Amino acid sequence: MEKFIKLAVTGSGIETLSLSNVKMIIGNGTTSTVVHYLGGAKATLTNASDTNYTLENQLQNAMVSLYQNSWTNNQDTITPVVAVSAIEVS
């Protein structure tokens, strides 16, 4: 079952991010957090300064929580702990 997280993106409203087939989530300690997917795709979140990797941890915890729930619960909405200004998928 596909799993999704919805989060607020400054200037864009609520965006949906896939948490299916995630290989790893890595914050760089400054202004981006990258979700790497199996197959090579990635989603780069541009965020406010995050020297404590709080957004990385928040996304990882949201993913674990979703996968621990019933297959019928396939999405969750979070309020990012730091402002996210863009999500770029490549």
C-alpha atoms as a PDB file:
ATOM      1  CA  MET A   1       0.000   0.000   0.000  1.00  0.00           C
ATOM      2  CA  GLU A   2       1.265   3.454  -0.900  1.00  0.00           C
ATOM      3  CA  LYS A   3       1.944   5.782   2.040  1.00  0.00           C
ATOM      4  CA  PHE A   4       1.821   9.589   1.868  1.00  0.00           C
ATOM      5  CA  ILE A   5       2.517  12.520   4.129  1.00  0.00           C
ATOM      6  CA  LYS A   6       0.905  15.924   3.690  1.00  0.00           C
ATOM      7  CA  LEU A   7       2.808  18.978   4.850  1.00  0.00           C
ATOM      8  CA  ALA A   8       2.566  22.746   4.595  1.00  0.00           C
ATOM      9  CA  VAL A   9       4.859  24.400   2.044  1.00  0.00           C
ATOM     10  CA  THR A  10       5.237  28.167   2.317  1.00  0.00           C
ATOM     11  CA  GLY A  11       3.469  29.862  -0.597  1.00  0.00           C
ATOM     12  CA  SER A  12       2.109  26.578  -1.995  1.00  0.00           C
ATOM     13  CA  GLY A  13      -0.281  25.376   0.681  1.00  0.00           C
ATOM     14  CA  ILE A  14      -0.464  21.681   1.511  1.00  0.00           C
ATOM     15  CA  GLU A  15       1.765  19.382  -0.588  1.00  0.00           C
ATOM     16  CA  THR A  16       1.708  15.581  -0.685  1.00  0.00           C
ATOM     17  CA  LEU A  17       4.951  13.641  -0.405  1.00  0.00           C
ATOM     18  CA  SER A  18       5.231   9.906  -1.043  1.00  0.00           C
ATOM     19  CA  LEU A  19       6.748   7.840   1.746  1.00  0.00           C
ATOM     20  CA  SER A  20       6.610   4.612  -0.271  1.00  0.00           C
ATOM     21  CA  ASN A  21       9.811   2.920  -1.447  1.00  0.00           C
ATOM     22  CA  VAL A  22      11.985   5.287   0.599  1.00  0.00           C
ATOM     23  CA  LYS A  23      15.628   4.251   0.749  1.00  0.00           C
ATOM     24  CA  MET A  24      16.752   6.976   3.159  1.00  0.00           C
ATOM     25  CA  ILE A  25      15.985  10.486   4.396  1.00  0.00           C
ATOM     26  CA  ILE A  26      18.970  12.772   4.872  1.00  0.00           C
ATOM     27  CA  GLY A  27      19.102  16.323   6.202  1.00  0.00           C
ATOM     28  CA  ASN A  28      22.233  18.322   5.454  1.00  0.00           C
ATOM     29  CA  GLY A  29      22.106  20.352   8.658  1.00  0.00           C
ATOM     30  CA  THR A  30      21.522  23.581   6.792  1.00  0.00           C
ATOM     31  CA  THR A  31      18.658  24.272   4.380  1.00  0.00           C
ATOM     32  CA  SER A  32      17.642  21.047   2.659  1.00  0.00           C
ATOM     33  CA  THR A  33      16.375  17.594   3.465  1.00  0.00           C
ATOM     34  CA  VAL A  34      16.433  14.894   0.778  1.00  0.00           C
ATOM     35  CA  VAL A  35      14.186  11.852   0.529  1.00  0.00           C
ATOM     36  CA  HIS A  36      15.944   9.193  -1.577  1.00  0.00           C
ATOM     37  CA  TYR A  37      13.733   6.547  -3.189  1.00  0.00           C
ATOM     38  CA  LEU A  38      14.536   3.078  -4.493  1.00  0.00           C
ATOM     39  CA  GLY A  39      15.170   3.413  -8.219  1.00  0.00           C
ATOM     40  CA  GLY A  40      17.085   6.685  -7.889  1.00  0.00           C
ATOM     41  CA  ALA A  41      14.341   9.302  -7.666  1.00  0.00           C
ATOM     42  CA  LYS A  42      14.573  11.906  -4.936  1.00  0.00           C
ATOM     43  CA  ALA A  43      12.533  14.682  -3.375  1.00  0.00           C
ATOM     44  CA  THR A  44      14.478  17.680  -2.108  1.00  0.00           C
ATOM     45  CA  LEU A  45      12.768  19.793   0.524  1.00  0.00           C
ATOM     46  CA  THR A  46      14.126  23.322   0.857  1.00  0.00           C
ATOM     47  CA  ASN A  47      13.718  24.338   4.476  1.00  0.00           C
ATOM     48  CA  ALA A  48      14.702  26.928   7.040  1.00  0.00           C
ATOM     49  CA  SER A  49      17.996  26.367   8.844  1.00  0.00           C
ATOM     50  CA  ASP A  50      17.861  22.980  10.584  1.00  0.00           C
ATOM     51  CA  THR A  51      21.166  22.343  12.348  1.00  0.00           C
ATOM     52  CA  ASN A  52      19.538  19.762  14.639  1.00  0.00           C
ATOM     53  CA  TYR A  53      18.104  17.674  11.758  1.00  0.00           C
ATOM     54  CA  THR A  54      14.609  18.031  13.198  1.00  0.00           C
ATOM     55  CA  LEU A  55      12.829  17.826   9.822  1.00  0.00           C
ATOM     56  CA  GLU A  56      14.790  14.682   8.905  1.00  0.00           C
ATOM     57  CA  ASN A  57      13.763  13.105  12.214  1.00  0.00           C
ATOM     58  CA  GLN A  58      10.158  14.245  11.853  1.00  0.00           C
ATOM     59  CA  LEU A  59       9.843  12.697   8.374  1.00  0.00           C
ATOM     60  CA  GLN A  60      11.497   9.459   9.490  1.00  0.00           C
ATOM     61  CA  ASN A  61       9.180   9.208  12.505  1.00  0.00           C
ATOM     62  CA  ALA A  62       6.115   9.931  10.338  1.00  0.00           C
ATOM     63  CA  MET A  63       7.142   7.185   7.909  1.00  0.00           C
ATOM     64  CA  VAL A  64       7.654   4.623  10.688  1.00  0.00           C
ATOM     65  CA  SER A  65       4.323   5.574  12.254  1.00  0.00           C
ATOM     66  CA  LEU A  66       2.450   5.169   8.973  1.00  0.00           C
ATOM     67  CA  TYR A  67       3.931   1.742   8.320  1.00  0.00           C
ATOM     68  CA  GLN A  68       3.039   0.596  11.837  1.00  0.00           C
ATOM     69  CA  ASN A  69      -0.618   1.455  11.229  1.00  0.00           C
ATOM     70  CA  SER A  70      -3.241  -0.516   9.339  1.00  0.00           C
ATOM     71  CA  TRP A  71      -2.885  -0.679   5.554  1.00  0.00           C
ATOM     72  CA  THR A  72      -6.126   1.321   5.326  1.00  0.00           C
ATOM     73  CA  ASN A  73      -4.397   4.290   7.009  1.00  0.00           C
ATOM     74  CA  ASN A  74      -2.240   5.411   4.098  1.00  0.00           C
ATOM     75  CA  GLN A  75      -1.676   9.094   4.838  1.00  0.00           C
ATOM     76  CA  ASP A  76      -0.958  11.551   7.612  1.00  0.00           C
ATOM     77  CA  THR A  77      -0.627  15.313   7.856  1.00  0.00           C
ATOM     78  CA  ILE A  78       2.259  16.915   9.712  1.00  0.00           C
ATOM     79  CA  THR A  79       3.185  20.462  10.570  1.00  0.00           C
ATOM     80  CA  PRO A  80       6.882  20.764   9.707  1.00  0.00           C
ATOM     81  CA  VAL A  81       9.050  21.757  12.657  1.00  0.00           C
ATOM     82  CA  VAL A  82      10.934  24.136  10.356  1.00  0.00           C
ATOM     83  CA  ALA A  83       9.423  26.083   7.458  1.00  0.00           C
ATOM     84  CA  VAL A  84       9.514  24.224   4.134  1.00  0.00           C
ATOM     85  CA  SER A  85       9.584  26.605   1.161  1.00  0.00           C
ATOM     86  CA  ALA A  86       9.725  24.114  -1.746  1.00  0.00           C
ATOM     87  CA  ILE A  87       9.687  20.444  -2.700  1.00  0.00           C
ATOM     88  CA  GLU A  88      11.494  19.465  -5.902  1.00  0.00           C
ATOM     89  CA  VAL A  89      11.164  15.927  -7.243  1.00  0.00           C
ATOM     90  CA  SER A  90      13.798  14.586  -9.624  1.00  0.00           C
END
